[in-house]
C-alpha atoms as a PDB file:
ATOM      1  CA  MET A   1      95.429  65.607 133.971  1.00  0.00           C
ATOM      2  CA  GLU A   2      96.951  65.927 130.501  1.00  0.00           C
ATOM      3  CA  SER A   3      99.479  63.119 131.039  1.00  0.00           C
ATOM      4  CA  GLU A   4      96.776  60.805 132.429  1.00  0.00           C
ATOM      5  CA  ILE A   5      94.578  61.335 129.371  1.00  0.00           C
ATOM      6  CA  ALA A   6      97.524  60.873 127.014  1.00  0.00           C
ATOM      7  CA  ARG A   7      98.545  57.577 128.634  1.00  0.00           C
ATOM      8  CA  ASN A   8      95.061  56.053 128.559  1.00  0.00           C
ATOM      9  CA  PRO A   9      94.086  54.331 125.316  1.00  0.00           C
ATOM     10  CA  PHE A  10      92.239  56.633 122.956  1.00  0.00           C
ATOM     11  CA  ALA A  11      89.999  53.711 121.880  1.00  0.00           C
ATOM     12  CA  THR A  12      89.958  50.004 122.736  1.00  0.00           C
ATOM     13  CA  VAL A  13      88.571  47.072 120.743  1.00  0.00           C
ATOM     14  CA  THR A  14      85.900  45.143 122.628  1.00  0.00           C
ATOM     15  CA  GLY A  15      85.118  42.368 120.164  1.00  0.00           C
ATOM     16  CA  LEU A  16      84.862  40.977 116.642  1.00  0.00           C
ATOM     17  CA  TYR A  17      81.527  40.307 114.967  1.00  0.00           C
ATOM     18  CA  ARG A  18      79.988  38.916 111.805  1.00  0.00           C
ATOM     19  CA  GLY A  19      77.040  40.590 110.134  1.00  0.00           C
ATOM     20  CA  LYS A  20      73.816  38.594 110.078  1.00  0.00           C
ATOM     21  CA  PHE A  21      70.278  39.497 109.032  1.00  0.00           C
ATOM     22  CA  GLY A  22      69.358  39.958 112.708  1.00  0.00           C
ATOM     23  CA  GLY A  23      72.347  42.210 113.468  1.00  0.00           C
ATOM     24  CA  LEU A  24      75.899  41.577 114.607  1.00  0.00           C
ATOM     25  CA  GLU A  25      76.875  38.199 116.094  1.00  0.00           C
ATOM     26  CA  PRO A  26      80.107  37.626 118.083  1.00  0.00           C
ATOM     27  CA  LEU A  27      82.782  35.944 115.991  1.00  0.00           C
ATOM     28  CA  THR A  28      84.607  33.099 117.761  1.00  0.00           C
ATOM     29  CA  VAL A  29      86.544  29.968 116.921  1.00  0.00           C
ATOM     30  CA  ASP A  30      83.418  27.954 117.814  1.00  0.00           C
ATOM     31  CA  LYS A  31      81.311  29.755 115.189  1.00  0.00           C
ATOM     32  CA  PRO A  32      83.367  29.609 111.987  1.00  0.00           C
ATOM     33  CA  LEU A  33      82.957  31.789 108.937  1.00  0.00           C
ATOM     34  CA  SER A  34      81.974  29.909 105.805  1.00  0.00           C
ATOM     35  CA  LEU A  35      84.144  30.359 102.708  1.00  0.00           C
ATOM     36  CA  ASP A  36      81.247  32.277 101.147  1.00  0.00           C
ATOM     37  CA  GLU A  37      81.030  34.665 104.147  1.00  0.00           C
ATOM     38  CA  VAL A  38      84.759  35.357 103.870  1.00  0.00           C
ATOM     39  CA  ARG A  39      84.342  36.328 100.203  1.00  0.00           C
ATOM     40  CA  ARG A  40      81.195  38.451 100.644  1.00  0.00           C
ATOM     41  CA  ASN A  41      81.119  39.934 104.155  1.00  0.00           C
ATOM     42  CA  PRO A  42      83.450  42.113 106.199  1.00  0.00           C
ATOM     43  CA  ILE A  43      84.383  41.458 109.824  1.00  0.00           C
ATOM     44  CA  PHE A  44      83.081  44.087 112.240  1.00  0.00           C
ATOM     45  CA  TYR A  45      85.012  45.264 115.275  1.00  0.00           C
ATOM     46  CA  GLU A  46      83.637  47.374 118.091  1.00  0.00           C
ATOM     47  CA  LEU A  47      85.527  50.374 119.448  1.00  0.00           C
ATOM     48  CA  ASP A  48      85.062  51.595 123.005  1.00  0.00           C
ATOM     49  CA  LEU A  49      86.023  55.265 122.841  1.00  0.00           C
ATOM     50  CA  HIS A  50      87.872  56.844 125.772  1.00  0.00           C
ATOM     51  CA  PRO A  51      85.205  57.423 128.492  1.00  0.00           C
ATOM     52  CA  GLU A  52      86.850  60.428 130.172  1.00  0.00           C
ATOM     53  CA  LEU A  53      86.894  62.389 126.952  1.00  0.00           C
ATOM     54  CA  GLY A  54      83.286  61.415 126.281  1.00  0.00           C
ATOM     55  CA  ASP A  55      81.695  63.127 123.315  1.00  0.00           C
ATOM     56  CA  GLU A  56      84.781  65.194 122.582  1.00  0.00           C
ATOM     57  CA  ASN A  57      86.887  62.057 122.073  1.00  0.00           C
ATOM     58  CA  LEU A  58      87.958  62.750 118.524  1.00  0.00           C
ATOM     59  CA  THR A  59      87.355  66.457 118.047  1.00  0.00           C
ATOM     60  CA  GLY A  60      90.511  67.714 119.671  1.00  0.00           C
ATOM     61  CA  HIS A  61      88.654  70.306 121.808  1.00  0.00           C
ATOM     62  CA  VAL A  62      89.958  68.844 125.075  1.00  0.00           C
ATOM     63  CA  ASP A  63      93.522  68.734 123.762  1.00  0.00           C
ATOM     64  CA  GLU A  64      93.136  72.256 122.411  1.00  0.00           C
ATOM     65  CA  ILE A  65      92.260  73.441 125.908  1.00  0.00           C
ATOM     66  CA  LEU A  66      95.070  71.432 127.538  1.00  0.00           C
ATOM     67  CA  THR A  67      97.862  71.744 124.987  1.00  0.00           C
ATOM     68  CA  GLY A  68      96.854  74.449 122.528  1.00  0.00           C
ATOM     69  CA  GLN A  69      96.733  71.891 119.678  1.00  0.00           C
ATOM     70  CA  SER A  70      93.616  70.670 117.905  1.00  0.00           C
ATOM     71  CA  GLY A  71      92.437  68.374 115.149  1.00  0.00           C
ATOM     72  CA  GLU A  72      92.846  64.670 115.933  1.00  0.00           C
ATOM     73  CA  ASN A  73      91.975  61.488 114.108  1.00  0.00           C
ATOM     74  CA  LEU A  74      91.545  57.972 115.413  1.00  0.00           C
ATOM     75  CA  ILE A  75      94.090  55.830 113.561  1.00  0.00           C
ATOM     76  CA  ILE A  76      93.560  52.090 113.212  1.00  0.00           C
ATOM     77  CA  ASP A  77      95.699  49.219 111.877  1.00  0.00           C
ATOM     78  CA  VAL A  78      94.672  45.568 111.575  1.00  0.00           C
ATOM     79  CA  CYS A  79      97.314  42.830 111.880  1.00  0.00           C
ATOM     80  CA  TYR A  80      95.939  39.645 110.317  1.00  0.00           C
ATOM     81  CA  ASP A  81      97.887  36.364 110.681  1.00  0.00           C
ATOM     82  CA  ASN A  82     101.191  38.143 111.424  1.00  0.00           C
ATOM     83  CA  LEU A  83     101.010  40.008 108.098  1.00  0.00           C
ATOM     84  CA  SER A  84     102.183  43.593 107.877  1.00  0.00           C
ATOM     85  CA  PRO A  85      99.577  45.876 109.453  1.00  0.00           C
ATOM     86  CA  MET A  86      96.778  46.972 107.129  1.00  0.00           C
ATOM     87  CA  ARG A  87      96.028  50.647 107.506  1.00  0.00           C
ATOM     88  CA  LEU A  88      92.337  51.440 107.919  1.00  0.00           C
ATOM     89  CA  GLN A  89      90.643  54.762 107.288  1.00  0.00           C
ATOM     90  CA  ASP A  90      91.213  57.480 109.902  1.00  0.00           C
ATOM     91  CA  LEU A  91      88.020  58.314 111.813  1.00  0.00           C
ATOM     92  CA  ARG A  92      86.896  61.745 113.057  1.00  0.00           C
ATOM     93  CA  ARG A  93      84.202  62.474 115.640  1.00  0.00           C
ATOM     94  CA  GLY A  94      81.282  64.324 114.098  1.00  0.00           C
ATOM     95  CA  THR A  95      82.229  63.252 110.571  1.00  0.00           C
ATOM     96  CA  ASP A  96      82.797  59.484 110.698  1.00  0.00           C
ATOM     97  CA  ILE A  97      81.649  58.798 114.275  1.00  0.00           C
ATOM     98  CA  PRO A  98      78.464  60.652 115.318  1.00  0.00           C
ATOM     99  CA  ARG A  99      78.531  62.753 118.470  1.00  0.00           C
ATOM    100  CA  GLY A 100      77.125  61.116 121.599  1.00  0.00           C
ATOM    101  CA  VAL A 101      78.167  57.588 120.532  1.00  0.00           C
ATOM    102  CA  ARG A 102      80.548  55.832 122.918  1.00  0.00           C
ATOM    103  CA  PHE A 103      80.787  52.471 121.107  1.00  0.00           C
ATOM    104  CA  TRP A 104      81.316  52.385 117.380  1.00  0.00           C
ATOM    105  CA  PRO A 105      81.393  49.411 114.984  1.00  0.00           C
ATOM    106  CA  ASP A 106      83.653  49.557 111.952  1.00  0.00           C
ATOM    107  CA  TRP A 107      84.742  46.801 109.574  1.00  0.00           C
ATOM    108  CA  PHE A 108      87.583  45.339 107.532  1.00  0.00           C
ATOM    109  CA  ASP A 109      87.935  42.629 104.892  1.00  0.00           C
ATOM    110  CA  ILE A 110      90.138  39.553 105.092  1.00  0.00           C
ATOM    111  CA  PRO A 111      92.939  40.041 102.539  1.00  0.00           C
ATOM    112  CA  PRO A 112      91.680  38.852  99.139  1.00  0.00           C
ATOM    113  CA  TYR A 113      94.842  36.955  98.185  1.00  0.00           C
ATOM    114  CA  GLU A 114      95.275  33.189  98.056  1.00  0.00           C
ATOM    115  CA  GLU A 115      98.877  33.396  99.243  1.00  0.00           C
ATOM    116  CA  MET A 116     100.900  36.106 100.984  1.00  0.00           C
ATOM    117  CA  HIS A 117     104.107  36.391 103.002  1.00  0.00           C
ATOM    118  CA  ASP A 118     104.045  37.438 106.658  1.00  0.00           C
ATOM    119  CA  ILE A 119     106.502  39.879 108.217  1.00  0.00           C
ATOM    120  CA  ASP A 120     108.971  37.005 108.767  1.00  0.00           C
ATOM    121  CA  GLY A 121     108.781  35.923 105.119  1.00  0.00           C
ATOM    122  CA  ARG A 122     106.726  32.760 105.731  1.00  0.00           C
ATOM    123  CA  ARG A 123     103.874  31.880 103.388  1.00  0.00           C
ATOM    124  CA  VAL A 124     100.388  32.376 104.766  1.00  0.00           C
ATOM    125  CA  TYR A 125      97.022  31.719 103.185  1.00  0.00           C
ATOM    126  CA  PRO A 126      94.608  34.403 104.457  1.00  0.00           C
ATOM    127  CA  ARG A 127      91.371  32.834 103.210  1.00  0.00           C
ATOM    128  CA  ALA A 128      92.295  29.189 103.762  1.00  0.00           C
ATOM    129  CA  PRO A 129      90.207  27.076 106.149  1.00  0.00           C
ATOM    130  CA  GLY A 130      91.600  26.977 109.676  1.00  0.00           C
ATOM    131  CA  ILE A 131      92.227  29.245 112.647  1.00  0.00           C
ATOM    132  CA  HIS A 132      93.457  32.774 111.949  1.00  0.00           C
ATOM    133  CA  THR A 133      94.589  35.550 114.285  1.00  0.00           C
ATOM    134  CA  ILE A 134      93.666  39.231 114.339  1.00  0.00           C
ATOM    135  CA  LYS A 135      95.168  42.099 116.368  1.00  0.00           C
ATOM    136  CA  ILE A 136      93.935  45.672 116.103  1.00  0.00           C
ATOM    137  CA  ARG A 137      95.981  48.752 117.014  1.00  0.00           C
ATOM    138  CA  THR A 138      94.409  52.121 117.747  1.00  0.00           C
ATOM    139  CA  GLY A 139      95.849  55.519 118.525  1.00  0.00           C
ATOM    140  CA  ARG A 140      95.369  59.168 117.817  1.00  0.00           C
ATOM    141  CA  ARG A 141      96.980  61.397 115.271  1.00  0.00           C
ATOM    142  CA  LYS A 142      96.856  65.130 115.581  1.00  0.00           C
ATOM    143  CA  PHE A 143      96.341  67.246 112.506  1.00  0.00           C
ATOM    144  CA  ALA A 144     100.004  68.312 112.643  1.00  0.00           C
ATOM    145  CA  GLN A 145     101.063  64.644 112.257  1.00  0.00           C
ATOM    146  CA  MET A 146      99.222  64.087 108.944  1.00  0.00           C
ATOM    147  CA  GLY A 147     101.434  62.337 106.410  1.00  0.00           C
ATOM    148  CA  ARG A 148     103.917  61.210 109.059  1.00  0.00           C
ATOM    149  CA  ALA A 149     104.462  57.759 110.515  1.00  0.00           C
ATOM    150  CA  ARG A 150     101.586  56.352 112.533  1.00  0.00           C
ATOM    151  CA  ASP A 151     102.396  56.424 116.255  1.00  0.00           C
ATOM    152  CA  PHE A 152     100.694  53.794 118.437  1.00  0.00           C
ATOM    153  CA  SER A 153     102.761  54.512 121.555  1.00  0.00           C
ATOM    154  CA  PRO A 154     101.032  54.851 124.954  1.00  0.00           C
ATOM    155  CA  GLU A 155     101.985  58.548 125.006  1.00  0.00           C
ATOM    156  CA  ASN A 156      99.872  58.972 121.875  1.00  0.00           C
ATOM    157  CA  GLY A 157      96.854  57.106 123.285  1.00  0.00           C
ATOM    158  CA  GLY A 158      97.971  53.898 121.551  1.00  0.00           C
ATOM    159  CA  TYR A 159      96.418  50.499 122.231  1.00  0.00           C
ATOM    160  CA  THR A 160      96.939  46.997 120.876  1.00  0.00           C
ATOM    161  CA  SER A 161      94.075  44.558 121.306  1.00  0.00           C
ATOM    162  CA  PRO A 162      94.549  41.052 122.595  1.00  0.00           C
ATOM    163  CA  VAL A 163      94.881  38.441 119.857  1.00  0.00           C
ATOM    164  CA  PHE A 164      91.459  37.433 118.571  1.00  0.00           C
ATOM    165  CA  GLU A 165      91.125  34.010 116.968  1.00  0.00           C
ATOM    166  CA  ILE A 166      88.617  33.292 114.234  1.00  0.00           C
ATOM    167  CA  ARG A 167      88.048  30.162 112.203  1.00  0.00           C
ATOM    168  CA  ILE A 168      87.319  29.797 108.525  1.00  0.00           C
ATOM    169  CA  ALA A 169      85.468  26.553 107.984  1.00  0.00           C
ATOM    170  CA  GLU A 170      85.904  23.875 105.375  1.00  0.00           C
ATOM    171  CA  SER A 171      82.914  23.801 103.041  1.00  0.00           C
ATOM    172  CA  THR A 172      81.602  20.720 104.909  1.00  0.00           C
ATOM    173  CA  ASP A 173      81.935  22.338 108.400  1.00  0.00           C
ATOM    174  CA  VAL A 174      79.142  24.877 108.052  1.00  0.00           C
ATOM    175  CA  ARG A 175      75.513  24.517 107.106  1.00  0.00           C
ATOM    176  CA  GLU A 176      74.164  27.276 104.903  1.00  0.00           C
END
């Protein structure tokens, strides 16, 4: 049982969304972000927390019973346009994610720089009009791993989302 839980993803990403007055709207290449939205609004992503662990997904109680260890965080990195992964805040059940919630939206900002270099050294323009890619990695980190390297391996409940494509529109592409 322990090895099956450890090999399943701790949390998966089910979609990207933009915030609107009426709620969250799926973010696709067909519905581009305006340059103003990129400057003002974050991009939301939805996490589907491990269903077998249910409400105890991030508390560590199940692992404490199985392995004698407790205290886990959900760790998340965002890889935008092949840039180095951006580390997002660790999340804890009961503190950051309320108990009883299976899906959880969180958010990140598009890097605020006009020009950056990707992991291969090529120039990229994070907020430039055009199609951009986003990958999100999730995993778990036990309390004993605090301050160490982030481990997104399958043994640690790691998951890498498929590549999501979003589009930032030219100022003439989108009606305000």
